[in-house]
Amino acid sequence: LAFKIATDPFVGRLAFFRVYSGRLDAGSYIL
């Protein structure tokens, strides 16, 4: 669940999220 969106001057738009199940690898796709 994405619970916060923040704009960072260096990396752009950051989405803070809490993972409830499974695993996410950098570079992969989500829905």
PDB file of all heavy atoms in Angstrom:
ATOM      1  N   LEU A   1       0.850  -1.189   0.000  1.00  0.00           N
ATOM      2  CA  LEU A   1       0.000   0.000   0.000  1.00  0.00           C
ATOM      3  C   LEU A   1       0.889   1.243   0.000  1.00  0.00           C
ATOM      4  O   LEU A   1       1.771   1.375   0.845  1.00  0.00           O
ATOM      5  CB  LEU A   1      -0.890   0.009   1.253  1.00  0.00           C
ATOM      6  CG  LEU A   1      -1.930   1.129   1.307  1.00  0.00           C
ATOM      7  CD1 LEU A   1      -3.121   0.801   0.421  1.00  0.00           C
ATOM      8  CD2 LEU A   1      -2.406   1.350   2.735  1.00  0.00           C
ATOM      9  N   ALA A   2       0.648   2.151  -0.950  1.00  0.00           N
ATOM     10  CA  ALA A   2       1.392   3.425  -0.987  1.00  0.00           C
ATOM     11  C   ALA A   2       0.722   4.374  -0.004  1.00  0.00           C
ATOM     12  O   ALA A   2      -0.466   4.648  -0.124  1.00  0.00           O
ATOM     13  CB  ALA A   2       1.343   3.999  -2.393  1.00  0.00           C
ATOM     14  N   PHE A   3       1.495   4.847   0.998  1.00  0.00           N
ATOM     15  CA  PHE A   3       0.850   5.686   2.011  1.00  0.00           C
ATOM     16  C   PHE A   3       1.328   7.129   1.987  1.00  0.00           C
ATOM     17  O   PHE A   3       0.807   7.977   2.676  1.00  0.00           O
ATOM     18  CB  PHE A   3       1.016   5.084   3.414  1.00  0.00           C
ATOM     19  CG  PHE A   3       2.432   5.030   3.929  1.00  0.00           C
ATOM     20  CD1 PHE A   3       2.936   6.039   4.733  1.00  0.00           C
ATOM     21  CD2 PHE A   3       3.246   3.953   3.622  1.00  0.00           C
ATOM     22  CE1 PHE A   3       4.239   5.987   5.219  1.00  0.00           C
ATOM     23  CE2 PHE A   3       4.550   3.894   4.116  1.00  0.00           C
ATOM     24  CZ  PHE A   3       5.043   4.910   4.909  1.00  0.00           C
ATOM     25  N   LYS A   4       2.329   7.420   1.153  1.00  0.00           N
ATOM     26  CA  LYS A   4       2.813   8.803   1.113  1.00  0.00           C
ATOM     27  C   LYS A   4       3.603   9.027  -0.170  1.00  0.00           C
ATOM     28  O   LYS A   4       4.376   8.164  -0.578  1.00  0.00           O
ATOM     29  CB  LYS A   4       3.708   9.040   2.339  1.00  0.00           C
ATOM     30  CG  LYS A   4       4.339  10.423   2.403  1.00  0.00           C
ATOM     31  CD  LYS A   4       5.129  10.574   3.694  1.00  0.00           C
ATOM     32  CE  LYS A   4       6.080  11.756   3.597  1.00  0.00           C
ATOM     33  NZ  LYS A   4       5.825  12.832   4.476  1.00  0.00           N
ATOM     34  N   ILE A   5       3.383  10.168  -0.795  1.00  0.00           N
ATOM     35  CA  ILE A   5       4.146  10.534  -1.989  1.00  0.00           C
ATOM     36  C   ILE A   5       4.969  11.765  -1.621  1.00  0.00           C
ATOM     37  O   ILE A   5       4.447  12.705  -1.027  1.00  0.00           O
ATOM     38  CB  ILE A   5       3.207  10.888  -3.181  1.00  0.00           C
ATOM     39  CG1 ILE A   5       2.088   9.847  -3.341  1.00  0.00           C
ATOM     40  CG2 ILE A   5       3.994  11.067  -4.469  1.00  0.00           C
ATOM     41  CD1 ILE A   5       2.523   8.447  -3.648  1.00  0.00           C
ATOM     42  N   ALA A   6       6.248  11.760  -1.949  1.00  0.00           N
ATOM     43  CA  ALA A   6       7.090  12.925  -1.642  1.00  0.00           C
ATOM     44  C   ALA A   6       7.940  13.259  -2.855  1.00  0.00           C
ATOM     45  O   ALA A   6       8.289  12.379  -3.645  1.00  0.00           O
ATOM     46  CB  ALA A   6       7.982  12.618  -0.450  1.00  0.00           C
ATOM     47  N   THR A   7       8.262  14.534  -3.015  1.00  0.00           N
ATOM     48  CA  THR A   7       9.123  14.955  -4.123  1.00  0.00           C
ATOM     49  C   THR A   7      10.510  15.208  -3.566  1.00  0.00           C
ATOM     50  O   THR A   7      10.678  16.021  -2.661  1.00  0.00           O
ATOM     51  CB  THR A   7       8.573  16.240  -4.772  1.00  0.00           C
ATOM     52  OG1 THR A   7       7.213  16.019  -5.106  1.00  0.00           O
ATOM     53  CG2 THR A   7       9.343  16.590  -6.019  1.00  0.00           C
ATOM     54  N   ASP A   8      11.481  14.489  -4.094  1.00  0.00           N
ATOM     55  CA  ASP A   8      12.856  14.662  -3.632  1.00  0.00           C
ATOM     56  C   ASP A   8      13.646  15.364  -4.736  1.00  0.00           C
ATOM     57  O   ASP A   8      13.546  14.993  -5.905  1.00  0.00           O
ATOM     58  CB  ASP A   8      13.472  13.285  -3.343  1.00  0.00           C
ATOM     59  CG  ASP A   8      14.857  13.408  -2.755  1.00  0.00           C
ATOM     60  OD1 ASP A   8      15.810  13.554  -3.546  1.00  0.00           O
ATOM     61  OD2 ASP A   8      15.001  13.369  -1.519  1.00  0.00           O
ATOM     62  N   PRO A   9      14.441  16.409  -4.382  1.00  0.00           N
ATOM     63  CA  PRO A   9      15.139  17.156  -5.439  1.00  0.00           C
ATOM     64  C   PRO A   9      16.130  16.306  -6.235  1.00  0.00           C
ATOM     65  O   PRO A   9      16.458  16.634  -7.367  1.00  0.00           O
ATOM     66  CB  PRO A   9      15.871  18.271  -4.671  1.00  0.00           C
ATOM     67  CG  PRO A   9      15.839  17.879  -3.231  1.00  0.00           C
ATOM     68  CD  PRO A   9      14.665  16.980  -3.048  1.00  0.00           C
ATOM     69  N   PHE A  10      16.606  15.202  -5.642  1.00  0.00           N
ATOM     70  CA  PHE A  10      17.632  14.413  -6.331  1.00  0.00           C
ATOM     71  C   PHE A  10      17.077  13.194  -7.065  1.00  0.00           C
ATOM     72  O   PHE A  10      17.521  12.856  -8.144  1.00  0.00           O
ATOM     73  CB  PHE A  10      18.719  13.977  -5.334  1.00  0.00           C
ATOM     74  CG  PHE A  10      19.339  15.149  -4.633  1.00  0.00           C
ATOM     75  CD1 PHE A  10      19.072  15.409  -3.296  1.00  0.00           C
ATOM     76  CD2 PHE A  10      20.162  16.034  -5.328  1.00  0.00           C
ATOM     77  CE1 PHE A  10      19.624  16.510  -2.651  1.00  0.00           C
ATOM     78  CE2 PHE A  10      20.718  17.142  -4.699  1.00  0.00           C
ATOM     79  CZ  PHE A  10      20.453  17.384  -3.367  1.00  0.00           C
ATOM     80  N   VAL A  11      16.108  12.505  -6.453  1.00  0.00           N
ATOM     81  CA  VAL A  11      15.643  11.260  -7.092  1.00  0.00           C
ATOM     82  C   VAL A  11      14.259  11.412  -7.729  1.00  0.00           C
ATOM     83  O   VAL A  11      13.766  10.494  -8.379  1.00  0.00           O
ATOM     84  CB  VAL A  11      15.619  10.070  -6.093  1.00  0.00           C
ATOM     85  CG1 VAL A  11      17.004   9.743  -5.625  1.00  0.00           C
ATOM     86  CG2 VAL A  11      14.707  10.336  -4.922  1.00  0.00           C
ATOM     87  N   GLY A  12      13.614  12.574  -7.545  1.00  0.00           N
ATOM     88  CA  GLY A  12      12.285  12.771  -8.158  1.00  0.00           C
ATOM     89  C   GLY A  12      11.181  12.318  -7.229  1.00  0.00           C
ATOM     90  O   GLY A  12      11.279  12.448  -6.019  1.00  0.00           O
ATOM     91  N   ARG A  13      10.145  11.732  -7.827  1.00  0.00           N
ATOM     92  CA  ARG A  13       8.962  11.388  -7.030  1.00  0.00           C
ATOM     93  C   ARG A  13       9.151  10.057  -6.300  1.00  0.00           C
ATOM     94  O   ARG A  13       9.361   9.025  -6.921  1.00  0.00           O
ATOM     95  CB  ARG A  13       7.756  11.315  -7.953  1.00  0.00           C
ATOM     96  CG  ARG A  13       6.461  11.141  -7.186  1.00  0.00           C
ATOM     97  CD  ARG A  13       5.297  11.522  -8.010  1.00  0.00           C
ATOM     98  NE  ARG A  13       5.288  10.832  -9.287  1.00  0.00           N
ATOM     99  CZ  ARG A  13       4.224  10.768 -10.064  1.00  0.00           C
ATOM    100  NH1 ARG A  13       3.121  11.353  -9.707  1.00  0.00           N
ATOM    101  NH2 ARG A  13       4.263  10.131 -11.214  1.00  0.00           N
ATOM    102  N   LEU A  14       9.075  10.128  -4.965  1.00  0.00           N
ATOM    103  CA  LEU A  14       9.246   8.937  -4.135  1.00  0.00           C
ATOM    104  C   LEU A  14       7.885   8.487  -3.633  1.00  0.00           C
ATOM    105  O   LEU A  14       7.114   9.315  -3.138  1.00  0.00           O
ATOM    106  CB  LEU A  14      10.064   9.301  -2.902  1.00  0.00           C
ATOM    107  CG  LEU A  14      11.583   9.212  -2.934  1.00  0.00           C
ATOM    108  CD1 LEU A  14      12.122   9.844  -1.663  1.00  0.00           C
ATOM    109  CD2 LEU A  14      12.064   7.779  -3.022  1.00  0.00           C
ATOM    110  N   ALA A  15       7.603   7.205  -3.744  1.00  0.00           N
ATOM    111  CA  ALA A  15       6.365   6.679  -3.161  1.00  0.00           C
ATOM    112  C   ALA A  15       6.746   5.796  -1.976  1.00  0.00           C
ATOM    113  O   ALA A  15       7.455   4.800  -2.131  1.00  0.00           O
ATOM    114  CB  ALA A  15       5.597   5.862  -4.192  1.00  0.00           C
ATOM    115  N   PHE A  16       6.309   6.186  -0.780  1.00  0.00           N
ATOM    116  CA  PHE A  16       6.546   5.365   0.413  1.00  0.00           C
ATOM    117  C   PHE A  16       5.485   4.268   0.446  1.00  0.00           C
ATOM    118  O   PHE A  16       4.309   4.557   0.226  1.00  0.00           O
ATOM    119  CB  PHE A  16       6.387   6.215   1.687  1.00  0.00           C
ATOM    120  CG  PHE A  16       7.500   7.188   1.916  1.00  0.00           C
ATOM    121  CD1 PHE A  16       7.647   8.305   1.118  1.00  0.00           C
ATOM    122  CD2 PHE A  16       8.400   6.982   2.948  1.00  0.00           C
ATOM    123  CE1 PHE A  16       8.670   9.211   1.337  1.00  0.00           C
ATOM    124  CE2 PHE A  16       9.429   7.880   3.176  1.00  0.00           C
ATOM    125  CZ  PHE A  16       9.565   8.996   2.364  1.00  0.00           C
ATOM    126  N   PHE A  17       5.891   3.041   0.730  1.00  0.00           N
ATOM    127  CA  PHE A  17       4.890   1.969   0.752  1.00  0.00           C
ATOM    128  C   PHE A  17       5.233   0.925   1.809  1.00  0.00           C
ATOM    129  O   PHE A  17       6.377   0.766   2.207  1.00  0.00           O
ATOM    130  CB  PHE A  17       4.750   1.308  -0.632  1.00  0.00           C
ATOM    131  CG  PHE A  17       6.019   0.675  -1.145  1.00  0.00           C
ATOM    132  CD1 PHE A  17       6.265  -0.672  -0.948  1.00  0.00           C
ATOM    133  CD2 PHE A  17       6.972   1.430  -1.820  1.00  0.00           C
ATOM    134  CE1 PHE A  17       7.436  -1.258  -1.404  1.00  0.00           C
ATOM    135  CE2 PHE A  17       8.157   0.855  -2.277  1.00  0.00           C
ATOM    136  CZ  PHE A  17       8.384  -0.493  -2.073  1.00  0.00           C
ATOM    137  N   ARG A  18       4.172   0.235   2.250  1.00  0.00           N
ATOM    138  CA  ARG A  18       4.341  -0.861   3.209  1.00  0.00           C
ATOM    139  C   ARG A  18       4.044  -2.156   2.467  1.00  0.00           C
ATOM    140  O   ARG A  18       2.991  -2.284   1.830  1.00  0.00           O
ATOM    141  CB  ARG A  18       3.344  -0.666   4.366  1.00  0.00           C
ATOM    142  CG  ARG A  18       2.967  -1.928   5.141  1.00  0.00           C
ATOM    143  CD  ARG A  18       4.032  -2.316   6.163  1.00  0.00           C
ATOM    144  NE  ARG A  18       3.787  -3.651   6.696  1.00  0.00           N
ATOM    145  CZ  ARG A  18       3.251  -3.907   7.872  1.00  0.00           C
ATOM    146  NH1 ARG A  18       2.860  -2.912   8.644  1.00  0.00           N
ATOM    147  NH2 ARG A  18       3.116  -5.142   8.294  1.00  0.00           N
ATOM    148  N   VAL A  19       4.962  -3.103   2.555  1.00  0.00           N
ATOM    149  CA  VAL A  19       4.769  -4.391   1.884  1.00  0.00           C
ATOM    150  C   VAL A  19       4.059  -5.331   2.859  1.00  0.00           C
ATOM    151  O   VAL A  19       4.520  -5.538   3.974  1.00  0.00           O
ATOM    152  CB  VAL A  19       6.118  -5.015   1.452  1.00  0.00           C
ATOM    153  CG1 VAL A  19       5.882  -6.295   0.671  1.00  0.00           C
ATOM    154  CG2 VAL A  19       6.910  -4.024   0.623  1.00  0.00           C
ATOM    155  N   TYR A  20       2.927  -5.868   2.436  1.00  0.00           N
ATOM    156  CA  TYR A  20       2.170  -6.788   3.302  1.00  0.00           C
ATOM    157  C   TYR A  20       2.469  -8.248   2.993  1.00  0.00           C
ATOM    158  O   TYR A  20       2.385  -9.099   3.864  1.00  0.00           O
ATOM    159  CB  TYR A  20       0.668  -6.521   3.173  1.00  0.00           C
ATOM    160  CG  TYR A  20       0.257  -5.255   3.881  1.00  0.00           C
ATOM    161  CD1 TYR A  20       0.077  -4.069   3.184  1.00  0.00           C
ATOM    162  CD2 TYR A  20       0.096  -5.231   5.264  1.00  0.00           C
ATOM    163  CE1 TYR A  20      -0.265  -2.895   3.842  1.00  0.00           C
ATOM    164  CE2 TYR A  20      -0.245  -4.063   5.928  1.00  0.00           C
ATOM    165  CZ  TYR A  20      -0.426  -2.908   5.218  1.00  0.00           C
ATOM    166  OH  TYR A  20      -0.750  -1.753   5.879  1.00  0.00           O
ATOM    167  N   SER A  21       2.792  -8.528   1.721  1.00  0.00           N
ATOM    168  CA  SER A  21       3.101  -9.927   1.378  1.00  0.00           C
ATOM    169  C   SER A  21       4.014  -9.951   0.162  1.00  0.00           C
ATOM    170  O   SER A  21       4.070  -8.995  -0.619  1.00  0.00           O
ATOM    171  CB  SER A  21       1.804 -10.694   1.069  1.00  0.00           C
ATOM    172  OG  SER A  21       1.164 -10.108  -0.049  1.00  0.00           O
ATOM    173  N   GLY A  22       4.736 -11.070   0.012  1.00  0.00           N
ATOM    174  CA  GLY A  22       5.565 -11.258  -1.175  1.00  0.00           C
ATOM    175  C   GLY A  22       6.873 -10.491  -1.135  1.00  0.00           C
ATOM    176  O   GLY A  22       7.317 -10.029  -0.091  1.00  0.00           O
ATOM    177  N   ARG A  23       7.455 -10.363  -2.314  1.00  0.00           N
ATOM    178  CA  ARG A  23       8.771  -9.717  -2.442  1.00  0.00           C
ATOM    179  C   ARG A  23       8.786  -8.890  -3.713  1.00  0.00           C
ATOM    180  O   ARG A  23       8.190  -9.258  -4.720  1.00  0.00           O
ATOM    181  CB  ARG A  23       9.835 -10.812  -2.492  1.00  0.00           C
ATOM    182  CG  ARG A  23      11.203 -10.330  -2.945  1.00  0.00           C
ATOM    183  CD  ARG A  23      12.178 -11.487  -3.006  1.00  0.00           C
ATOM    184  NE  ARG A  23      13.341 -11.097  -3.816  1.00  0.00           N
ATOM    185  CZ  ARG A  23      14.592 -11.359  -3.492  1.00  0.00           C
ATOM    186  NH1 ARG A  23      14.852 -12.016  -2.396  1.00  0.00           N
ATOM    187  NH2 ARG A  23      15.586 -10.980  -4.267  1.00  0.00           N
ATOM    188  N   LEU A  24       9.479  -7.749  -3.659  1.00  0.00           N
ATOM    189  CA  LEU A  24       9.590  -6.880  -4.839  1.00  0.00           C
ATOM    190  C   LEU A  24      11.067  -6.620  -5.113  1.00  0.00           C
ATOM    191  O   LEU A  24      11.806  -6.195  -4.224  1.00  0.00           O
ATOM    192  CB  LEU A  24       8.860  -5.556  -4.574  1.00  0.00           C
ATOM    193  CG  LEU A  24       8.937  -4.501  -5.686  1.00  0.00           C
ATOM    194  CD1 LEU A  24       8.177  -4.958  -6.923  1.00  0.00           C
ATOM    195  CD2 LEU A  24       8.380  -3.167  -5.215  1.00  0.00           C
ATOM    196  N   ASP A  25      11.490  -6.907  -6.353  1.00  0.00           N
ATOM    197  CA  ASP A  25      12.877  -6.639  -6.745  1.00  0.00           C
ATOM    198  C   ASP A  25      12.953  -5.331  -7.503  1.00  0.00           C
ATOM    199  O   ASP A  25      12.028  -4.992  -8.270  1.00  0.00           O
ATOM    200  CB  ASP A  25      13.397  -7.776  -7.645  1.00  0.00           C
ATOM    201  CG  ASP A  25      13.551  -9.063  -6.863  1.00  0.00           C
ATOM    202  OD1 ASP A  25      14.434  -9.103  -5.995  1.00  0.00           O
ATOM    203  OD2 ASP A  25      12.773 -10.011  -7.094  1.00  0.00           O
ATOM    204  N   ALA A  26      14.032  -4.600  -7.319  1.00  0.00           N
ATOM    205  CA  ALA A  26      14.229  -3.359  -8.084  1.00  0.00           C
ATOM    206  C   ALA A  26      14.275  -3.719  -9.567  1.00  0.00           C
ATOM    207  O   ALA A  26      14.870  -4.728  -9.956  1.00  0.00           O
ATOM    208  CB  ALA A  26      15.528  -2.697  -7.651  1.00  0.00           C
ATOM    209  N   GLY A  27      13.608  -2.908 -10.387  1.00  0.00           N
ATOM    210  CA  GLY A  27      13.598  -3.168 -11.837  1.00  0.00           C
ATOM    211  C   GLY A  27      12.441  -4.030 -12.289  1.00  0.00           C
ATOM    212  O   GLY A  27      12.248  -4.254 -13.481  1.00  0.00           O
ATOM    213  N   SER A  28      11.626  -4.542 -11.331  1.00  0.00           N
ATOM    214  CA  SER A  28      10.510  -5.407 -11.749  1.00  0.00           C
ATOM    215  C   SER A  28       9.225  -4.596 -11.930  1.00  0.00           C
ATOM    216  O   SER A  28       9.172  -3.403 -11.626  1.00  0.00           O
ATOM    217  CB  SER A  28      10.308  -6.532 -10.731  1.00  0.00           C
ATOM    218  OG  SER A  28      10.055  -5.976  -9.463  1.00  0.00           O
ATOM    219  N   TYR A  29       8.180  -5.270 -12.407  1.00  0.00           N
ATOM    220  CA  TYR A  29       6.906  -4.605 -12.691  1.00  0.00           C
ATOM    221  C   TYR A  29       5.867  -4.924 -11.621  1.00  0.00           C
ATOM    222  O   TYR A  29       5.852  -6.023 -11.073  1.00  0.00           O
ATOM    223  CB  TYR A  29       6.365  -5.058 -14.057  1.00  0.00           C
ATOM    224  CG  TYR A  29       7.102  -4.437 -15.210  1.00  0.00           C
ATOM    225  CD1 TYR A  29       8.243  -5.038 -15.730  1.00  0.00           C
ATOM    226  CD2 TYR A  29       6.662  -3.230 -15.774  1.00  0.00           C
ATOM    227  CE1 TYR A  29       8.938  -4.465 -16.792  1.00  0.00           C
ATOM    228  CE2 TYR A  29       7.355  -2.649 -16.830  1.00  0.00           C
ATOM    229  CZ  TYR A  29       8.485  -3.269 -17.333  1.00  0.00           C
ATOM    230  OH  TYR A  29       9.161  -2.679 -18.370  1.00  0.00           O
ATOM    231  N   ILE A  30       4.998  -3.960 -11.361  1.00  0.00           N
ATOM    232  CA  ILE A  30       3.856  -4.210 -10.464  1.00  0.00           C
ATOM    233  C   ILE A  30       2.600  -3.685 -11.160  1.00  0.00           C
ATOM    234  O   ILE A  30       2.670  -2.965 -12.156  1.00  0.00           O
ATOM    235  CB  ILE A  30       4.026  -3.505  -9.088  1.00  0.00           C
ATOM    236  CG1 ILE A  30       4.265  -1.989  -9.268  1.00  0.00           C
ATOM    237  CG2 ILE A  30       5.118  -4.122  -8.283  1.00  0.00           C
ATOM    238  CD1 ILE A  30       3.142  -1.117  -8.902  1.00  0.00           C
ATOM    239  N   LEU A  31       1.452  -4.024 -10.577  1.00  0.00           N
ATOM    240  CA  LEU A  31       0.179  -3.526 -11.103  1.00  0.00           C
ATOM    241  C   LEU A  31      -0.361  -2.502 -10.109  1.00  0.00           C
ATOM    242  O   LEU A  31      -0.436  -2.765  -8.912  1.00  0.00           O
ATOM    243  CB  LEU A  31      -0.810  -4.701 -11.229  1.00  0.00           C
ATOM    244  CG  LEU A  31      -2.251  -4.325 -11.598  1.00  0.00           C
ATOM    245  CD1 LEU A  31      -2.334  -3.885 -13.051  1.00  0.00           C
ATOM    246  CD2 LEU A  31      -3.196  -5.513 -11.379  1.00  0.00           C
TER     247      LEU A  31
END
